[in-house]
C-alpha atoms as a PDB file:
ATOM      1  CA  UNK A   1       1.013 -19.428  -2.402  1.00  0.00           C
ATOM      2  CA  UNK A   2       2.177 -21.855  -5.079  1.00  0.00           C
ATOM      3  CA  UNK A   3      -1.444 -22.408  -6.118  1.00  0.00           C
ATOM      4  CA  UNK A   4      -1.599 -18.986  -7.795  1.00  0.00           C
ATOM      5  CA  UNK A   5       1.374 -19.767 -10.040  1.00  0.00           C
ATOM      6  CA  UNK A   6      -0.128 -23.119 -10.996  1.00  0.00           C
ATOM      7  CA  UNK A   7      -3.447 -21.412 -11.821  1.00  0.00           C
ATOM      8  CA  UNK A   8      -1.560 -18.805 -13.878  1.00  0.00           C
ATOM      9  CA  UNK A   9       0.115 -21.544 -15.905  1.00  0.00           C
ATOM     10  CA  UNK A  10      -3.190 -23.236 -16.839  1.00  0.00           C
ATOM     11  CA  UNK A  11      -4.043 -22.115 -20.386  1.00  0.00           C
ATOM     12  CA  UNK A  12      -7.653 -23.352 -20.211  1.00  0.00           C
ATOM     13  CA  UNK A  13      -8.286 -21.301 -17.066  1.00  0.00           C
ATOM     14  CA  UNK A  14      -6.632 -18.256 -18.659  1.00  0.00           C
ATOM     15  CA  UNK A  15      -8.927 -18.494 -21.689  1.00  0.00           C
ATOM     16  CA  UNK A  16     -12.059 -18.930 -19.536  1.00  0.00           C
ATOM     17  CA  UNK A  17     -11.158 -16.012 -17.272  1.00  0.00           C
ATOM     18  CA  UNK A  18     -10.150 -13.709 -20.134  1.00  0.00           C
ATOM     19  CA  UNK A  19     -13.445 -14.467 -21.884  1.00  0.00           C
ATOM     20  CA  UNK A  20     -15.341 -13.609 -18.688  1.00  0.00           C
ATOM     21  CA  UNK A  21     -13.489 -10.295 -18.523  1.00  0.00           C
ATOM     22  CA  UNK A  22     -14.024  -9.536 -22.232  1.00  0.00           C
ATOM     23  CA  UNK A  23     -17.763 -10.170 -21.848  1.00  0.00           C
ATOM     24  CA  UNK A  24     -17.849  -7.945 -18.741  1.00  0.00           C
ATOM     25  CA  UNK A  25     -18.957 -10.903 -16.614  1.00  0.00           C
ATOM     26  CA  UNK A  26     -17.927 -11.443 -13.009  1.00  0.00           C
ATOM     27  CA  UNK A  27     -14.521 -12.873 -12.183  1.00  0.00           C
ATOM     28  CA  UNK A  28     -12.365 -12.671  -9.102  1.00  0.00           C
ATOM     29  CA  UNK A  29      -9.187 -13.652  -7.314  1.00  0.00           C
ATOM     30  CA  UNK A  30      -7.988 -13.863  -3.735  1.00  0.00           C
ATOM     31  CA  UNK A  31      -4.653 -13.977  -1.918  1.00  0.00           C
ATOM     32  CA  UNK A  32      -1.657 -13.889  -4.308  1.00  0.00           C
ATOM     33  CA  UNK A  33      -3.775 -14.647  -7.400  1.00  0.00           C
ATOM     34  CA  UNK A  34      -4.569 -11.025  -8.347  1.00  0.00           C
ATOM     35  CA  UNK A  35      -0.831 -10.267  -8.661  1.00  0.00           C
ATOM     36  CA  UNK A  36       0.489 -13.686  -9.681  1.00  0.00           C
ATOM     37  CA  UNK A  37      -2.336 -14.889 -11.943  1.00  0.00           C
ATOM     38  CA  UNK A  38      -4.506 -12.017 -13.198  1.00  0.00           C
ATOM     39  CA  UNK A  39      -1.761  -9.403 -13.670  1.00  0.00           C
ATOM     40  CA  UNK A  40       0.273 -11.467 -16.194  1.00  0.00           C
ATOM     41  CA  UNK A  41      -2.976 -12.200 -18.045  1.00  0.00           C
ATOM     42  CA  UNK A  42      -3.551  -8.446 -18.442  1.00  0.00           C
ATOM     43  CA  UNK A  43      -6.821  -8.464 -16.492  1.00  0.00           C
ATOM     44  CA  UNK A  44      -6.038  -5.701 -13.983  1.00  0.00           C
ATOM     45  CA  UNK A  45      -5.838  -2.744 -16.371  1.00  0.00           C
ATOM     46  CA  UNK A  46      -7.729   0.308 -15.107  1.00  0.00           C
ATOM     47  CA  UNK A  47      -9.151  -1.606 -12.152  1.00  0.00           C
ATOM     48  CA  UNK A  48      -8.655  -1.022  -8.455  1.00  0.00           C
ATOM     49  CA  UNK A  49      -7.292  -4.237  -6.948  1.00  0.00           C
ATOM     50  CA  UNK A  50      -6.043  -5.688  -3.703  1.00  0.00           C
ATOM     51  CA  UNK A  51      -4.126  -8.860  -2.871  1.00  0.00           C
ATOM     52  CA  UNK A  52      -2.111 -10.539  -0.128  1.00  0.00           C
ATOM     53  CA  UNK A  53       0.283  -8.017   1.484  1.00  0.00           C
ATOM     54  CA  UNK A  54       3.336 -10.114   0.514  1.00  0.00           C
ATOM     55  CA  UNK A  55       2.457  -9.589  -3.178  1.00  0.00           C
ATOM     56  CA  UNK A  56       1.111  -6.040  -2.983  1.00  0.00           C
ATOM     57  CA  UNK A  57       4.339  -4.570  -4.414  1.00  0.00           C
ATOM     58  CA  UNK A  58       3.684  -6.410  -7.714  1.00  0.00           C
ATOM     59  CA  UNK A  59       0.420  -4.534  -8.354  1.00  0.00           C
ATOM     60  CA  UNK A  60       0.317  -1.342 -10.447  1.00  0.00           C
ATOM     61  CA  UNK A  61       0.790   1.397  -7.823  1.00  0.00           C
ATOM     62  CA  UNK A  62      -1.954   3.714  -9.058  1.00  0.00           C
ATOM     63  CA  UNK A  63      -4.652   1.009  -8.948  1.00  0.00           C
ATOM     64  CA  UNK A  64      -3.528  -0.909  -5.834  1.00  0.00           C
ATOM     65  CA  UNK A  65      -5.675  -0.402  -2.727  1.00  0.00           C
ATOM     66  CA  UNK A  66      -5.184  -1.814   0.752  1.00  0.00           C
ATOM     67  CA  UNK A  67      -8.735  -2.984   1.427  1.00  0.00           C
ATOM     68  CA  UNK A  68      -9.899  -6.453   2.399  1.00  0.00           C
ATOM     69  CA  UNK A  69     -12.336  -6.591  -0.524  1.00  0.00           C
ATOM     70  CA  UNK A  70     -12.195  -4.557  -3.717  1.00  0.00           C
ATOM     71  CA  UNK A  71     -14.936  -4.536  -6.348  1.00  0.00           C
ATOM     72  CA  UNK A  72     -13.926  -2.847  -9.587  1.00  0.00           C
ATOM     73  CA  UNK A  73     -16.448  -3.318 -12.383  1.00  0.00           C
ATOM     74  CA  UNK A  74     -16.620  -7.081 -13.089  1.00  0.00           C
ATOM     75  CA  UNK A  75     -13.523  -7.884 -10.986  1.00  0.00           C
ATOM     76  CA  UNK A  76     -13.593  -8.703  -7.269  1.00  0.00           C
ATOM     77  CA  UNK A  77     -10.320  -9.172  -5.379  1.00  0.00           C
ATOM     78  CA  UNK A  78      -9.464  -9.956  -1.773  1.00  0.00           C
ATOM     79  CA  UNK A  79      -6.379 -10.250   0.433  1.00  0.00           C
ATOM     80  CA  UNK A  80      -6.198 -13.806   1.781  1.00  0.00           C
ATOM     81  CA  UNK A  81      -7.494 -16.578   4.037  1.00  0.00           C
ATOM     82  CA  UNK A  82      -8.781 -14.192   6.708  1.00  0.00           C
ATOM     83  CA  UNK A  83     -10.918 -12.346   4.166  1.00  0.00           C
ATOM     84  CA  UNK A  84     -12.293 -15.426   2.369  1.00  0.00           C
ATOM     85  CA  UNK A  85     -15.748 -15.101   3.971  1.00  0.00           C
ATOM     86  CA  UNK A  86     -16.056 -11.443   2.961  1.00  0.00           C
ATOM     87  CA  UNK A  87     -14.813 -12.292  -0.545  1.00  0.00           C
ATOM     88  CA  UNK A  88     -17.404 -15.049  -0.958  1.00  0.00           C
ATOM     89  CA  UNK A  89     -20.192 -12.820   0.389  1.00  0.00           C
ATOM     90  CA  UNK A  90     -19.190 -10.014  -1.987  1.00  0.00           C
ATOM     91  CA  UNK A  91     -19.532 -12.448  -4.898  1.00  0.00           C
ATOM     92  CA  UNK A  92     -22.871 -13.732  -3.558  1.00  0.00           C
ATOM     93  CA  UNK A  93     -24.120 -10.142  -3.277  1.00  0.00           C
ATOM     94  CA  UNK A  94     -23.139  -9.348  -6.862  1.00  0.00           C
ATOM     95  CA  UNK A  95     -24.785 -12.527  -8.148  1.00  0.00           C
ATOM     96  CA  UNK A  96     -27.962 -12.575  -6.035  1.00  0.00           C
ATOM     97  CA  UNK A  97     -28.322  -9.192  -4.330  1.00  0.00           C
ATOM     98  CA  UNK A  98     -27.700  -7.749  -0.906  1.00  0.00           C
ATOM     99  CA  UNK A  99     -30.629  -9.515   0.797  1.00  0.00           C
ATOM    100  CA  UNK A 100     -29.331 -12.992  -0.112  1.00  0.00           C
ATOM    101  CA  UNK A 101     -25.791 -12.103   0.984  1.00  0.00           C
ATOM    102  CA  UNK A 102     -27.110 -10.795   4.314  1.00  0.00           C
ATOM    103  CA  UNK A 103     -29.270 -13.891   4.793  1.00  0.00           C
ATOM    104  CA  UNK A 104     -26.261 -16.181   4.271  1.00  0.00           C
ATOM    105  CA  UNK A 105     -24.077 -14.003   6.533  1.00  0.00           C
ATOM    106  CA  UNK A 106     -26.673 -14.054   9.309  1.00  0.00           C
ATOM    107  CA  UNK A 107     -27.090 -17.828   9.024  1.00  0.00           C
ATOM    108  CA  UNK A 108     -23.320 -18.207   9.426  1.00  0.00           C
ATOM    109  CA  UNK A 109     -23.367 -15.775  12.391  1.00  0.00           C
ATOM    110  CA  UNK A 110     -21.156 -13.308  10.565  1.00  0.00           C
ATOM    111  CA  UNK A 111     -21.125  -9.690  11.623  1.00  0.00           C
ATOM    112  CA  UNK A 112     -22.705  -7.452   8.995  1.00  0.00           C
ATOM    113  CA  UNK A 113     -23.947  -4.517  11.081  1.00  0.00           C
ATOM    114  CA  UNK A 114     -21.961  -1.359  10.450  1.00  0.00           C
ATOM    115  CA  UNK A 115     -19.744  -3.246   8.028  1.00  0.00           C
ATOM    116  CA  UNK A 116     -21.025  -3.636   4.484  1.00  0.00           C
ATOM    117  CA  UNK A 117     -20.951  -7.126   3.066  1.00  0.00           C
ATOM    118  CA  UNK A 118     -19.035  -5.739   0.092  1.00  0.00           C
ATOM    119  CA  UNK A 119     -17.375  -2.500  -0.868  1.00  0.00           C
ATOM    120  CA  UNK A 120     -19.227  -0.716  -3.644  1.00  0.00           C
ATOM    121  CA  UNK A 121     -17.679   1.672  -6.098  1.00  0.00           C
ATOM    122  CA  UNK A 122     -19.002   4.703  -7.916  1.00  0.00           C
ATOM    123  CA  UNK A 123     -20.618   4.045 -11.306  1.00  0.00           C
ATOM    124  CA  UNK A 124     -21.420   0.516 -10.210  1.00  0.00           C
ATOM    125  CA  UNK A 125     -22.734  -1.977 -12.733  1.00  0.00           C
ATOM    126  CA  UNK A 126     -26.112  -3.646 -12.286  1.00  0.00           C
ATOM    127  CA  UNK A 127     -25.806  -7.415 -12.664  1.00  0.00           C
ATOM    128  CA  UNK A 128     -28.660  -9.653 -13.695  1.00  0.00           C
ATOM    129  CA  UNK A 129     -28.559 -13.419 -13.693  1.00  0.00           C
ATOM    130  CA  UNK A 130     -31.978 -14.006 -15.224  1.00  0.00           C
ATOM    131  CA  UNK A 131     -34.123 -16.886 -14.047  1.00  0.00           C
ATOM    132  CA  UNK A 132     -31.408 -19.508 -13.760  1.00  0.00           C
ATOM    133  CA  UNK A 133     -28.921 -19.611 -10.911  1.00  0.00           C
ATOM    134  CA  UNK A 134     -25.468 -18.580 -12.110  1.00  0.00           C
ATOM    135  CA  UNK A 135     -22.742 -21.165 -12.492  1.00  0.00           C
ATOM    136  CA  UNK A 136     -19.524 -20.274 -10.695  1.00  0.00           C
ATOM    137  CA  UNK A 137     -16.201 -21.933 -11.541  1.00  0.00           C
ATOM    138  CA  UNK A 138     -13.747 -22.316  -8.663  1.00  0.00           C
ATOM    139  CA  UNK A 139     -10.394 -23.504 -10.034  1.00  0.00           C
ATOM    140  CA  UNK A 140      -8.022 -25.251  -7.638  1.00  0.00           C
ATOM    141  CA  UNK A 141      -4.388 -26.355  -7.858  1.00  0.00           C
ATOM    142  CA  UNK A 142      -1.704 -27.929  -5.713  1.00  0.00           C
ATOM    143  CA  UNK A 143      -1.024 -25.324  -3.047  1.00  0.00           C
ATOM    144  CA  UNK A 144      -4.508 -23.756  -3.026  1.00  0.00           C
ATOM    145  CA  UNK A 145      -5.497 -22.450   0.409  1.00  0.00           C
ATOM    146  CA  UNK A 146      -8.076 -24.836   1.895  1.00  0.00           C
ATOM    147  CA  UNK A 147     -10.020 -22.210   3.816  1.00  0.00           C
ATOM    148  CA  UNK A 148     -10.401 -19.996   0.755  1.00  0.00           C
ATOM    149  CA  UNK A 149     -11.661 -22.834  -1.435  1.00  0.00           C
ATOM    150  CA  UNK A 150     -14.028 -24.352   1.127  1.00  0.00           C
ATOM    151  CA  UNK A 151     -15.394 -20.946   2.177  1.00  0.00           C
ATOM    152  CA  UNK A 152     -16.123 -19.902  -1.409  1.00  0.00           C
ATOM    153  CA  UNK A 153     -17.853 -23.196  -2.180  1.00  0.00           C
ATOM    154  CA  UNK A 154     -19.921 -23.131   1.017  1.00  0.00           C
ATOM    155  CA  UNK A 155     -21.125 -19.538   0.827  1.00  0.00           C
ATOM    156  CA  UNK A 156     -21.905 -19.573  -2.896  1.00  0.00           C
ATOM    157  CA  UNK A 157     -23.836 -22.854  -2.566  1.00  0.00           C
ATOM    158  CA  UNK A 158     -25.806 -21.446   0.374  1.00  0.00           C
ATOM    159  CA  UNK A 159     -26.681 -18.496  -1.883  1.00  0.00           C
ATOM    160  CA  UNK A 160     -27.968 -21.089  -4.422  1.00  0.00           C
ATOM    161  CA  UNK A 161     -25.249 -20.766  -7.073  1.00  0.00           C
ATOM    162  CA  UNK A 162     -24.294 -23.776  -9.169  1.00  0.00           C
ATOM    163  CA  UNK A 163     -20.691 -24.241  -8.074  1.00  0.00           C
ATOM    164  CA  UNK A 164     -18.202 -26.171 -10.191  1.00  0.00           C
ATOM    165  CA  UNK A 165     -14.850 -26.992  -8.605  1.00  0.00           C
ATOM    166  CA  UNK A 166     -12.223 -27.921 -11.183  1.00  0.00           C
ATOM    167  CA  UNK A 167      -8.581 -28.847 -10.790  1.00  0.00           C
ATOM    168  CA  UNK A 168      -5.963 -27.456 -13.152  1.00  0.00           C
ATOM    169  CA  UNK A 169      -3.728 -30.402 -12.247  1.00  0.00           C
ATOM    170  CA  UNK A 170      -3.191 -33.506 -14.366  1.00  0.00           C
ATOM    171  CA  UNK A 171      -3.733 -35.742 -11.334  1.00  0.00           C
ATOM    172  CA  UNK A 172      -7.068 -36.641  -9.792  1.00  0.00           C
ATOM    173  CA  UNK A 173      -6.120 -35.441  -6.314  1.00  0.00           C
ATOM    174  CA  UNK A 174      -5.044 -31.948  -5.289  1.00  0.00           C
ATOM    175  CA  UNK A 175      -2.704 -31.289  -2.357  1.00  0.00           C
ATOM    176  CA  UNK A 176      -3.762 -28.022  -0.762  1.00  0.00           C
ATOM    177  CA  UNK A 177      -1.364 -25.974   1.343  1.00  0.00           C
END
């Protein structure tokens, strides 16, 4: 999980993510990143969050929930590699609607019957992306989990998002874990 610490230490990514949060626009984190990256940036206040079980103890007790996916206002969090598909579909649903998320899930032969694509909360926010497909930034670093990165890119592109993958490293290549 060294990727989360490297993401946390990237000032450009911190500024981009904090601006997203300030503007009440979607942002998310998976695996250790909610606890290791977003918590030090102050982006978990008054939001229900989940993360990898090994880092769960770092989350504020009152707001920590043990679900695979947690949507709390503009923030979406997930637990780890095994939940990467659900995490990506939850983001696709928020960006494009339930029908697009279901269409992508069915194409990938994912089970959606009896199990919602995402977990919705009370007082949910309606998101609108206008006429242009949204642009989604997926930051990567040395130690990023391959399955999480590839799954997010694949599902969001299938949903027709403009996906930008950017390294926070100073080198051209990134060594995933």
